PDB file of N, CA and C in Angstrom:
ATOM      1  N   MET A   1     -15.509   9.859 -14.046  1.00  0.00           N
ATOM      2  CA  MET A   1     -14.342  10.384 -14.740  1.00  0.00           C
ATOM      3  C   MET A   1     -13.104  10.147 -13.891  1.00  0.00           C
ATOM      4  N   TYR A   2     -12.036   9.706 -14.539  1.00  0.00           N
ATOM      5  CA  TYR A   2     -10.776   9.458 -13.853  1.00  0.00           C
ATOM      6  C   TYR A   2     -10.018  10.775 -13.738  1.00  0.00           C
ATOM      7  N   SER A   3      -9.443  11.021 -12.562  1.00  0.00           N
ATOM      8  CA  SER A   3      -8.798  12.313 -12.390  1.00  0.00           C
ATOM      9  C   SER A   3      -7.505  12.284 -11.578  1.00  0.00           C
ATOM     10  N   ILE A   4      -7.181  11.174 -10.970  1.00  0.00           N
ATOM     11  CA  ILE A   4      -6.015  11.121 -10.089  1.00  0.00           C
ATOM     12  C   ILE A   4      -4.861  10.430 -10.814  1.00  0.00           C
ATOM     13  N   ASP A   5      -3.718  11.105 -10.911  1.00  0.00           N
ATOM     14  CA  ASP A   5      -2.574  10.475 -11.567  1.00  0.00           C
ATOM     15  C   ASP A   5      -1.536   9.961 -10.575  1.00  0.00           C
ATOM     16  N   PHE A   6      -1.640  10.361  -9.294  1.00  0.00           N
ATOM     17  CA  PHE A   6      -0.653   9.937  -8.304  1.00  0.00           C
ATOM     18  C   PHE A   6      -1.310   9.835  -6.934  1.00  0.00           C
ATOM     19  N   ILE A   7      -1.104   8.701  -6.281  1.00  0.00           N
ATOM     20  CA  ILE A   7      -1.614   8.486  -4.925  1.00  0.00           C
ATOM     21  C   ILE A   7      -0.412   8.210  -4.032  1.00  0.00           C
ATOM     22  N   TRP A   8      -0.348   8.929  -2.914  1.00  0.00           N
ATOM     23  CA  TRP A   8       0.767   8.782  -1.970  1.00  0.00           C
ATOM     24  C   TRP A   8       0.205   8.771  -0.560  1.00  0.00           C
ATOM     25  N   SER A   9       0.647   7.796   0.231  1.00  0.00           N
ATOM     26  CA  SER A   9       0.270   7.779   1.639  1.00  0.00           C
ATOM     27  C   SER A   9       1.404   7.153   2.437  1.00  0.00           C
ATOM     28  N   PHE A  10       1.858   7.876   3.452  1.00  0.00           N
ATOM     29  CA  PHE A  10       2.897   7.358   4.340  1.00  0.00           C
ATOM     30  C   PHE A  10       2.406   7.447   5.776  1.00  0.00           C
ATOM     31  N   ASP A  11       2.451   6.333   6.473  1.00  0.00           N
ATOM     32  CA  ASP A  11       2.136   6.217   7.896  1.00  0.00           C
ATOM     33  C   ASP A  11       0.660   6.380   8.229  1.00  0.00           C
ATOM     34  N   GLU A  12      -0.216   6.196   7.270  1.00  0.00           N
ATOM     35  CA  GLU A  12      -1.657   6.203   7.537  1.00  0.00           C
ATOM     36  C   GLU A  12      -2.226   4.791   7.465  1.00  0.00           C
ATOM     37  N   PHE A  13      -1.896   4.071   6.396  1.00  0.00           N
ATOM     38  CA  PHE A  13      -2.497   2.759   6.172  1.00  0.00           C
ATOM     39  C   PHE A  13      -2.024   1.720   7.179  1.00  0.00           C
ATOM     40  N   VAL A  14      -1.027   2.025   7.970  1.00  0.00           N
ATOM     41  CA  VAL A  14      -0.602   1.103   9.028  1.00  0.00           C
ATOM     42  C   VAL A  14      -1.623   1.067  10.174  1.00  0.00           C
ATOM     43  N   HIS A  15      -2.580   1.996  10.142  1.00  0.00           N
ATOM     44  CA  HIS A  15      -3.598   2.082  11.195  1.00  0.00           C
ATOM     45  C   HIS A  15      -5.005   1.725  10.703  1.00  0.00           C
ATOM     46  N   ILE A  16      -5.155   1.384   9.433  1.00  0.00           N
ATOM     47  CA  ILE A  16      -6.474   1.164   8.836  1.00  0.00           C
ATOM     48  C   ILE A  16      -6.755  -0.335   8.764  1.00  0.00           C
ATOM     49  N   SER A  17      -8.002  -0.718   9.033  1.00  0.00           N
ATOM     50  CA  SER A  17      -8.384  -2.137   9.024  1.00  0.00           C
ATOM     51  C   SER A  17      -8.285  -2.720   7.615  1.00  0.00           C
ATOM     52  N   PRO A  18      -8.042  -4.017   7.508  1.00  0.00           N
ATOM     53  CA  PRO A  18      -7.975  -4.661   6.193  1.00  0.00           C
ATOM     54  C   PRO A  18      -9.225  -4.419   5.343  1.00  0.00           C
ATOM     55  N   GLU A  19     -10.395  -4.448   5.951  1.00  0.00           N
ATOM     56  CA  GLU A  19     -11.634  -4.231   5.209  1.00  0.00           C
ATOM     57  C   GLU A  19     -11.670  -2.830   4.599  1.00  0.00           C
ATOM     58  N   ASP A  20     -11.231  -1.852   5.356  1.00  0.00           N
ATOM     59  CA  ASP A  20     -11.221  -0.480   4.851  1.00  0.00           C
ATOM     60  C   ASP A  20     -10.147  -0.288   3.781  1.00  0.00           C
ATOM     61  N   ILE A  21      -9.000  -0.956   3.939  1.00  0.00           N
ATOM     62  CA  ILE A  21      -7.960  -0.878   2.912  1.00  0.00           C
ATOM     63  C   ILE A  21      -8.484  -1.464   1.604  1.00  0.00           C
ATOM     64  N   GLU A  22      -9.218  -2.551   1.699  1.00  0.00           N
ATOM     65  CA  GLU A  22      -9.807  -3.143   0.495  1.00  0.00           C
ATOM     66  C   GLU A  22     -10.702  -2.126  -0.224  1.00  0.00           C
ATOM     67  N   ASN A  23     -11.497  -1.387   0.539  1.00  0.00           N
ATOM     68  CA  ASN A  23     -12.356  -0.352  -0.050  1.00  0.00           C
ATOM     69  C   ASN A  23     -11.537   0.783  -0.664  1.00  0.00           C
ATOM     70  N   TYR A  24     -10.468   1.166  -0.009  1.00  0.00           N
ATOM     71  CA  TYR A  24      -9.594   2.204  -0.565  1.00  0.00           C
ATOM     72  C   TYR A  24      -9.004   1.763  -1.905  1.00  0.00           C
ATOM     73  N   VAL A  25      -8.518   0.518  -1.972  1.00  0.00           N
ATOM     74  CA  VAL A  25      -7.918   0.028  -3.212  1.00  0.00           C
ATOM     75  C   VAL A  25      -8.955   0.022  -4.336  1.00  0.00           C
ATOM     76  N   ARG A  26     -10.191  -0.345  -4.009  1.00  0.00           N
ATOM     77  CA  ARG A  26     -11.264  -0.297  -5.003  1.00  0.00           C
ATOM     78  C   ARG A  26     -11.457   1.139  -5.508  1.00  0.00           C
ATOM     79  N   GLU A  27     -11.376   2.097  -4.617  1.00  0.00           N
ATOM     80  CA  GLU A  27     -11.496   3.507  -5.001  1.00  0.00           C
ATOM     81  C   GLU A  27     -10.289   3.968  -5.806  1.00  0.00           C
ATOM     82  N   PHE A  28      -9.096   3.474  -5.458  1.00  0.00           N
ATOM     83  CA  PHE A  28      -7.909   3.811  -6.252  1.00  0.00           C
ATOM     84  C   PHE A  28      -8.153   3.453  -7.709  1.00  0.00           C
ATOM     85  N   LYS A  29      -8.654   2.230  -7.928  1.00  0.00           N
ATOM     86  CA  LYS A  29      -8.914   1.795  -9.295  1.00  0.00           C
ATOM     87  C   LYS A  29      -9.916   2.725  -9.980  1.00  0.00           C
ATOM     88  N   ARG A  30     -10.947   3.113  -9.260  1.00  0.00           N
ATOM     89  CA  ARG A  30     -12.007   3.920  -9.845  1.00  0.00           C
ATOM     90  C   ARG A  30     -11.528   5.307 -10.248  1.00  0.00           C
ATOM     91  N   VAL A  31     -10.687   5.941  -9.435  1.00  0.00           N
ATOM     92  CA  VAL A  31     -10.341   7.342  -9.676  1.00  0.00           C
ATOM     93  C   VAL A  31      -9.016   7.561 -10.400  1.00  0.00           C
ATOM     94  N   MET A  32      -8.172   6.538 -10.466  1.00  0.00           N
ATOM     95  CA  MET A  32      -6.855   6.722 -11.094  1.00  0.00           C
ATOM     96  C   MET A  32      -6.967   6.772 -12.611  1.00  0.00           C
ATOM     97  N   ILE A  33      -6.155   7.629 -13.208  1.00  0.00           N
ATOM     98  CA  ILE A  33      -6.063   7.659 -14.661  1.00  0.00           C
ATOM     99  C   ILE A  33      -5.244   6.458 -15.134  1.00  0.00           C
ATOM    100  N   LEU A  34      -5.330   6.136 -16.404  1.00  0.00           N
ATOM    101  CA  LEU A  34      -4.517   5.084 -16.978  1.00  0.00           C
ATOM    102  C   LEU A  34      -3.044   5.440 -16.800  1.00  0.00           C
ATOM    103  N   ASN A  35      -2.254   4.498 -16.357  1.00  0.00           N
ATOM    104  CA  ASN A  35      -0.838   4.675 -16.027  1.00  0.00           C
ATOM    105  C   ASN A  35      -0.620   5.518 -14.773  1.00  0.00           C
ATOM    106  N   GLY A  36      -1.676   5.736 -13.983  1.00  0.00           N
ATOM    107  CA  GLY A  36      -1.522   6.416 -12.706  1.00  0.00           C
ATOM    108  C   GLY A  36      -0.660   5.588 -11.768  1.00  0.00           C
ATOM    109  N   LEU A  37       0.006   6.245 -10.852  1.00  0.00           N
ATOM    110  CA  LEU A  37       0.949   5.602  -9.943  1.00  0.00           C
ATOM    111  C   LEU A  37       0.499   5.772  -8.502  1.00  0.00           C
ATOM    112  N   GLY A  38       0.639   4.713  -7.699  1.00  0.00           N
ATOM    113  CA  GLY A  38       0.331   4.768  -6.273  1.00  0.00           C
ATOM    114  C   GLY A  38       1.498   4.268  -5.452  1.00  0.00           C
ATOM    115  N   ILE A  39       1.750   4.935  -4.334  1.00  0.00           N
ATOM    116  CA  ILE A  39       2.786   4.503  -3.386  1.00  0.00           C
ATOM    117  C   ILE A  39       2.153   4.558  -2.001  1.00  0.00           C
ATOM    118  N   ILE A  40       2.022   3.393  -1.391  1.00  0.00           N
ATOM    119  CA  ILE A  40       1.335   3.280  -0.101  1.00  0.00           C
ATOM    120  C   ILE A  40       2.247   2.573   0.900  1.00  0.00           C
ATOM    121  N   HIS A  41       2.408   3.170   2.066  1.00  0.00           N
ATOM    122  CA  HIS A  41       3.123   2.563   3.197  1.00  0.00           C
ATOM    123  C   HIS A  41       2.056   1.879   4.053  1.00  0.00           C
ATOM    124  N   HIS A  42       2.210   0.574   4.282  1.00  0.00           N
ATOM    125  CA  HIS A  42       1.207  -0.186   5.038  1.00  0.00           C
ATOM    126  C   HIS A  42       1.883  -1.253   5.888  1.00  0.00           C
ATOM    127  N   ALA A  43       1.124  -1.807   6.836  1.00  0.00           N
ATOM    128  CA  ALA A  43       1.620  -2.925   7.631  1.00  0.00           C
ATOM    129  C   ALA A  43       1.901  -4.091   6.695  1.00  0.00           C
ATOM    130  N   GLY A  44       2.914  -4.890   7.023  1.00  0.00           N
ATOM    131  CA  GLY A  44       3.300  -5.956   6.123  1.00  0.00           C
ATOM    132  C   GLY A  44       3.213  -7.361   6.682  1.00  0.00           C
ATOM    133  N   GLU A  45       3.209  -7.494   8.013  1.00  0.00           N
ATOM    134  CA  GLU A  45       3.272  -8.832   8.586  1.00  0.00           C
ATOM    135  C   GLU A  45       2.225  -9.100   9.651  1.00  0.00           C
ATOM    136  N   CYS A  46       1.183  -8.334   9.705  1.00  0.00           N
ATOM    137  CA  CYS A  46       0.066  -8.605  10.611  1.00  0.00           C
ATOM    138  C   CYS A  46       0.475  -8.619  12.085  1.00  0.00           C
ATOM    139  N   GLU A  47       1.502  -7.890  12.433  1.00  0.00           N
ATOM    140  CA  GLU A  47       1.895  -7.791  13.836  1.00  0.00           C
ATOM    141  C   GLU A  47       1.291  -6.517  14.396  1.00  0.00           C
ATOM    142  N   LEU A  48       0.392  -6.661  15.346  1.00  0.00           N
ATOM    143  CA  LEU A  48      -0.392  -5.528  15.820  1.00  0.00           C
ATOM    144  C   LEU A  48       0.432  -4.483  16.560  1.00  0.00           C
ATOM    145  N   HIS A  49       1.423  -4.848  17.344  1.00  0.00           N
ATOM    146  CA  HIS A  49       2.232  -3.890  18.110  1.00  0.00           C
ATOM    147  C   HIS A  49       1.334  -2.931  18.887  1.00  0.00           C
ATOM    148  N   GLY A  50       0.332  -3.450  19.520  1.00  0.00           N
ATOM    149  CA  GLY A  50      -0.623  -2.613  20.240  1.00  0.00           C
ATOM    150  C   GLY A  50      -1.885  -2.444  19.409  1.00  0.00           C
ATOM    151  N   SER A  51      -2.900  -1.907  20.008  1.00  0.00           N
ATOM    152  CA  SER A  51      -4.206  -1.820  19.353  1.00  0.00           C
ATOM    153  C   SER A  51      -4.269  -0.752  18.273  1.00  0.00           C
ATOM    154  N   TYR A  52      -3.255   0.058  18.135  1.00  0.00           N
ATOM    155  CA  TYR A  52      -3.297   1.145  17.168  1.00  0.00           C
ATOM    156  C   TYR A  52      -2.754   0.750  15.794  1.00  0.00           C
ATOM    157  N   ARG A  53      -2.304  -0.485  15.616  1.00  0.00           N
ATOM    158  CA  ARG A  53      -1.737  -0.937  14.346  1.00  0.00           C
ATOM    159  C   ARG A  53      -2.722  -1.844  13.616  1.00  0.00           C
ATOM    160  N   SER A  54      -2.664  -1.824  12.300  1.00  0.00           N
ATOM    161  CA  SER A  54      -3.528  -2.651  11.473  1.00  0.00           C
ATOM    162  C   SER A  54      -3.060  -4.096  11.461  1.00  0.00           C
ATOM    163  N   SER A  55      -4.009  -5.006  11.416  1.00  0.00           N
ATOM    164  CA  SER A  55      -3.689  -6.436  11.281  1.00  0.00           C
ATOM    165  C   SER A  55      -3.683  -6.784   9.797  1.00  0.00           C
ATOM    166  N   PHE A  56      -2.747  -6.201   9.071  1.00  0.00           N
ATOM    167  CA  PHE A  56      -2.697  -6.293   7.617  1.00  0.00           C
ATOM    168  C   PHE A  56      -1.426  -7.011   7.187  1.00  0.00           C
ATOM    169  N   THR A  57      -1.424  -7.559   5.966  1.00  0.00           N
ATOM    170  CA  THR A  57      -0.252  -8.264   5.449  1.00  0.00           C
ATOM    171  C   THR A  57       0.038  -7.852   4.002  1.00  0.00           C
ATOM    172  N   ASN A  58       1.254  -8.114   3.570  1.00  0.00           N
ATOM    173  CA  ASN A  58       1.609  -7.903   2.169  1.00  0.00           C
ATOM    174  C   ASN A  58       0.729  -8.751   1.258  1.00  0.00           C
ATOM    175  N   GLU A  59       0.455  -9.978   1.688  1.00  0.00           N
ATOM    176  CA  GLU A  59      -0.356 -10.876   0.877  1.00  0.00           C
ATOM    177  C   GLU A  59      -1.746 -10.303   0.630  1.00  0.00           C
ATOM    178  N   LEU A  60      -2.347  -9.700   1.661  1.00  0.00           N
ATOM    179  CA  LEU A  60      -3.662  -9.074   1.479  1.00  0.00           C
ATOM    180  C   LEU A  60      -3.577  -7.894   0.514  1.00  0.00           C
ATOM    181  N   PHE A  61      -2.550  -7.064   0.658  1.00  0.00           N
ATOM    182  CA  PHE A  61      -2.413  -5.934  -0.250  1.00  0.00           C
ATOM    183  C   PHE A  61      -2.270  -6.432  -1.691  1.00  0.00           C
ATOM    184  N   ASN A  62      -1.430  -7.428  -1.885  1.00  0.00           N
ATOM    185  CA  ASN A  62      -1.228  -7.980  -3.224  1.00  0.00           C
ATOM    186  C   ASN A  62      -2.526  -8.538  -3.798  1.00  0.00           C
ATOM    187  N   LYS A  63      -3.312  -9.192  -2.956  1.00  0.00           N
ATOM    188  CA  LYS A  63      -4.612  -9.726  -3.393  1.00  0.00           C
ATOM    189  C   LYS A  63      -5.541  -8.591  -3.812  1.00  0.00           C
ATOM    190  N   PHE A  64      -5.623  -7.539  -2.997  1.00  0.00           N
ATOM    191  CA  PHE A  64      -6.514  -6.415  -3.307  1.00  0.00           C
ATOM    192  C   PHE A  64      -6.094  -5.736  -4.612  1.00  0.00           C
ATOM    193  N   ILE A  65      -4.790  -5.610  -4.826  1.00  0.00           N
ATOM    194  CA  ILE A  65      -4.281  -5.008  -6.059  1.00  0.00           C
ATOM    195  C   ILE A  65      -4.685  -5.871  -7.257  1.00  0.00           C
ATOM    196  N   LYS A  66      -4.486  -7.166  -7.147  1.00  0.00           N
ATOM    197  CA  LYS A  66      -4.785  -8.083  -8.257  1.00  0.00           C
ATOM    198  C   LYS A  66      -6.278  -8.109  -8.558  1.00  0.00           C
ATOM    199  N   VAL A  67      -7.107  -8.234  -7.542  1.00  0.00           N
ATOM    200  CA  VAL A  67      -8.562  -8.299  -7.727  1.00  0.00           C
ATOM    201  C   VAL A  67      -9.081  -7.042  -8.436  1.00  0.00           C
ATOM    202  N   ASN A  68      -8.431  -5.918  -8.217  1.00  0.00           N
ATOM    203  CA  ASN A  68      -8.870  -4.657  -8.811  1.00  0.00           C
ATOM    204  C   ASN A  68      -8.135  -4.323 -10.108  1.00  0.00           C
ATOM    205  N   ASN A  69      -7.464  -5.320 -10.672  1.00  0.00           N
ATOM    206  CA  ASN A  69      -6.765  -5.171 -11.955  1.00  0.00           C
ATOM    207  C   ASN A  69      -5.756  -4.030 -11.961  1.00  0.00           C
ATOM    208  N   LEU A  70      -5.113  -3.836 -10.827  1.00  0.00           N
ATOM    209  CA  LEU A  70      -3.990  -2.908 -10.742  1.00  0.00           C
ATOM    210  C   LEU A  70      -2.714  -3.739 -10.838  1.00  0.00           C
ATOM    211  N   HIS A  71      -1.592  -3.096 -11.099  1.00  0.00           N
ATOM    212  CA  HIS A  71      -0.330  -3.819 -11.280  1.00  0.00           C
ATOM    213  C   HIS A  71       0.651  -3.435 -10.177  1.00  0.00           C
ATOM    214  N   LEU A  72       1.099  -4.430  -9.408  1.00  0.00           N
ATOM    215  CA  LEU A  72       2.094  -4.200  -8.365  1.00  0.00           C
ATOM    216  C   LEU A  72       3.465  -4.134  -9.011  1.00  0.00           C
ATOM    217  N   ASP A  73       4.130  -2.984  -8.894  1.00  0.00           N
ATOM    218  CA  ASP A  73       5.469  -2.811  -9.472  1.00  0.00           C
ATOM    219  C   ASP A  73       6.567  -3.235  -8.513  1.00  0.00           C
ATOM    220  N   ASP A  74       6.407  -2.917  -7.217  1.00  0.00           N
ATOM    221  CA  ASP A  74       7.490  -3.188  -6.276  1.00  0.00           C
ATOM    222  C   ASP A  74       6.961  -3.140  -4.846  1.00  0.00           C
ATOM    223  N   GLN A  75       7.638  -3.842  -3.963  1.00  0.00           N
ATOM    224  CA  GLN A  75       7.413  -3.741  -2.519  1.00  0.00           C
ATOM    225  C   GLN A  75       8.774  -3.758  -1.851  1.00  0.00           C
ATOM    226  N   TYR A  76       8.966  -2.868  -0.889  1.00  0.00           N
ATOM    227  CA  TYR A  76      10.251  -2.818  -0.203  1.00  0.00           C
ATOM    228  C   TYR A  76      10.064  -2.277   1.210  1.00  0.00           C
ATOM    229  N   ASP A  77      11.075  -2.491   2.041  1.00  0.00           N
ATOM    230  CA  ASP A  77      11.022  -1.992   3.415  1.00  0.00           C
ATOM    231  C   ASP A  77      12.209  -1.087   3.754  1.00  0.00           C
ATOM    232  N   SER A  78      13.101  -0.863   2.756  1.00  0.00           N
ATOM    233  CA  SER A  78      14.211   0.069   2.967  1.00  0.00           C
ATOM    234  C   SER A  78      14.612   0.678   1.628  1.00  0.00           C
ATOM    235  N   TRP A  79      15.264   1.845   1.689  1.00  0.00           N
ATOM    236  CA  TRP A  79      15.679   2.548   0.479  1.00  0.00           C
ATOM    237  C   TRP A  79      16.834   3.469   0.816  1.00  0.00           C
ATOM    238  N   GLY A  80      17.398   4.076  -0.196  1.00  0.00           N
ATOM    239  CA  GLY A  80      18.569   4.941  -0.041  1.00  0.00           C
ATOM    240  C   GLY A  80      19.804   4.229  -0.566  1.00  0.00           C
ATOM    241  N   ASN A  81      20.863   4.986  -0.788  1.00  0.00           N
ATOM    242  CA  ASN A  81      22.101   4.414  -1.344  1.00  0.00           C
ATOM    243  C   ASN A  81      22.634   3.251  -0.524  1.00  0.00           C
ATOM    244  N   GLU A  82      22.502   3.344   0.776  1.00  0.00           N
ATOM    245  CA  GLU A  82      22.978   2.280   1.657  1.00  0.00           C
ATOM    246  C   GLU A  82      21.829   1.628   2.424  1.00  0.00           C
ATOM    247  N   ARG A  83      20.616   1.749   1.853  1.00  0.00           N
ATOM    248  CA  ARG A  83      19.395   1.215   2.486  1.00  0.00           C
ATOM    249  C   ARG A  83      19.227   1.753   3.904  1.00  0.00           C
ATOM    250  N   GLN A  84      19.662   2.998   4.116  1.00  0.00           N
ATOM    251  CA  GLN A  84      19.664   3.583   5.450  1.00  0.00           C
ATOM    252  C   GLN A  84      18.295   4.066   5.914  1.00  0.00           C
ATOM    253  N   TYR A  85      17.350   4.196   5.013  1.00  0.00           N
ATOM    254  CA  TYR A  85      15.988   4.599   5.374  1.00  0.00           C
ATOM    255  C   TYR A  85      15.115   3.354   5.322  1.00  0.00           C
ATOM    256  N   ASN A  86      14.270   3.188   6.340  1.00  0.00           N
ATOM    257  CA  ASN A  86      13.484   1.959   6.336  1.00  0.00           C
ATOM    258  C   ASN A  86      12.233   2.069   7.199  1.00  0.00           C
ATOM    259  N   VAL A  87      11.358   1.091   6.988  1.00  0.00           N
ATOM    260  CA  VAL A  87      10.141   0.936   7.784  1.00  0.00           C
ATOM    261  C   VAL A  87      10.126  -0.466   8.408  1.00  0.00           C
ATOM    262  N   LYS A  88      11.307  -0.997   8.678  1.00  0.00           N
ATOM    263  CA  LYS A  88      11.448  -2.367   9.164  1.00  0.00           C
ATOM    264  C   LYS A  88      11.036  -2.546  10.632  1.00  0.00           C
ATOM    265  N   TYR A  89      11.101  -1.497  11.416  1.00  0.00           N
ATOM    266  CA  TYR A  89      10.882  -1.635  12.860  1.00  0.00           C
ATOM    267  C   TYR A  89       9.566  -2.345  13.173  1.00  0.00           C
ATOM    268  N   TYR A  90       8.497  -1.948  12.477  1.00  0.00           N
ATOM    269  CA  TYR A  90       7.193  -2.571  12.694  1.00  0.00           C
ATOM    270  C   TYR A  90       6.856  -3.590  11.616  1.00  0.00           C
ATOM    271  N   HIS A  91       7.837  -3.989  10.826  1.00  0.00           N
ATOM    272  CA  HIS A  91       7.632  -4.950   9.737  1.00  0.00           C
ATOM    273  C   HIS A  91       6.664  -4.403   8.697  1.00  0.00           C
ATOM    274  N   ASP A  92       6.823  -3.133   8.377  1.00  0.00           N
ATOM    275  CA  ASP A  92       5.975  -2.476   7.392  1.00  0.00           C
ATOM    276  C   ASP A  92       6.533  -2.648   5.983  1.00  0.00           C
ATOM    277  N   THR A  93       5.748  -2.229   5.011  1.00  0.00           N
ATOM    278  CA  THR A  93       6.112  -2.332   3.602  1.00  0.00           C
ATOM    279  C   THR A  93       5.673  -1.078   2.873  1.00  0.00           C
ATOM    280  N   ILE A  94       6.388  -0.741   1.834  1.00  0.00           N
ATOM    281  CA  ILE A  94       5.963   0.293   0.900  1.00  0.00           C
ATOM    282  C   ILE A  94       5.669  -0.404  -0.415  1.00  0.00           C
ATOM    283  N   SER A  95       4.436  -0.240  -0.900  1.00  0.00           N
ATOM    284  CA  SER A  95       4.021  -0.866  -2.149  1.00  0.00           C
ATOM    285  C   SER A  95       3.864   0.198  -3.224  1.00  0.00           C
ATOM    286  N   VAL A  96       4.376  -0.124  -4.411  1.00  0.00           N
ATOM    287  CA  VAL A  96       4.283   0.769  -5.574  1.00  0.00           C
ATOM    288  C   VAL A  96       3.433   0.036  -6.614  1.00  0.00           C
ATOM    289  N   PHE A  97       2.372   0.699  -7.090  1.00  0.00           N
ATOM    290  CA  PHE A  97       1.480   0.050  -8.041  1.00  0.00           C
ATOM    291  C   PHE A  97       1.016   1.045  -9.101  1.00  0.00           C
ATOM    292  N   LYS A  98       0.493   0.490 -10.198  1.00  0.00           N
ATOM    293  CA  LYS A  98       0.009   1.297 -11.308  1.00  0.00           C
ATOM    294  C   LYS A  98      -1.341   0.811 -11.792  1.00  0.00           C
ATOM    295  N   LYS A  99      -2.024   1.686 -12.477  1.00  0.00           N
ATOM    296  CA  LYS A  99      -3.234   1.286 -13.191  1.00  0.00           C
ATOM    297  C   LYS A  99      -2.863   1.224 -14.666  1.00  0.00           C
ATOM    298  N   ASN A 100      -2.893   0.008 -15.218  1.00  0.00           N
ATOM    299  CA  ASN A 100      -2.545  -0.185 -16.635  1.00  0.00           C
ATOM    300  C   ASN A 100      -3.789  -0.262 -17.494  1.00  0.00           C
TER     301      ASN A 100
END
């Protein structure tokens, strides 16, 4: 049974391995309701910045979303009226996706 209408994660997926992120995305598909929304902050350019960062990319996230028949709505690294808030320091990304 589908029960989740909103998934939010900030500053966690930047530390998770690509293999585990793939499993999470598969679970997102399984538990999200139709038209459910997800917003995930993750590494975007595979720059490790030490052993505590994920070797993940936007391309991998996009692939995992597509393979699981989810829809990527947007990806960005800054927001606010003057783009004053951002996750650019570590080349991170925020991905917004839906289950259609």
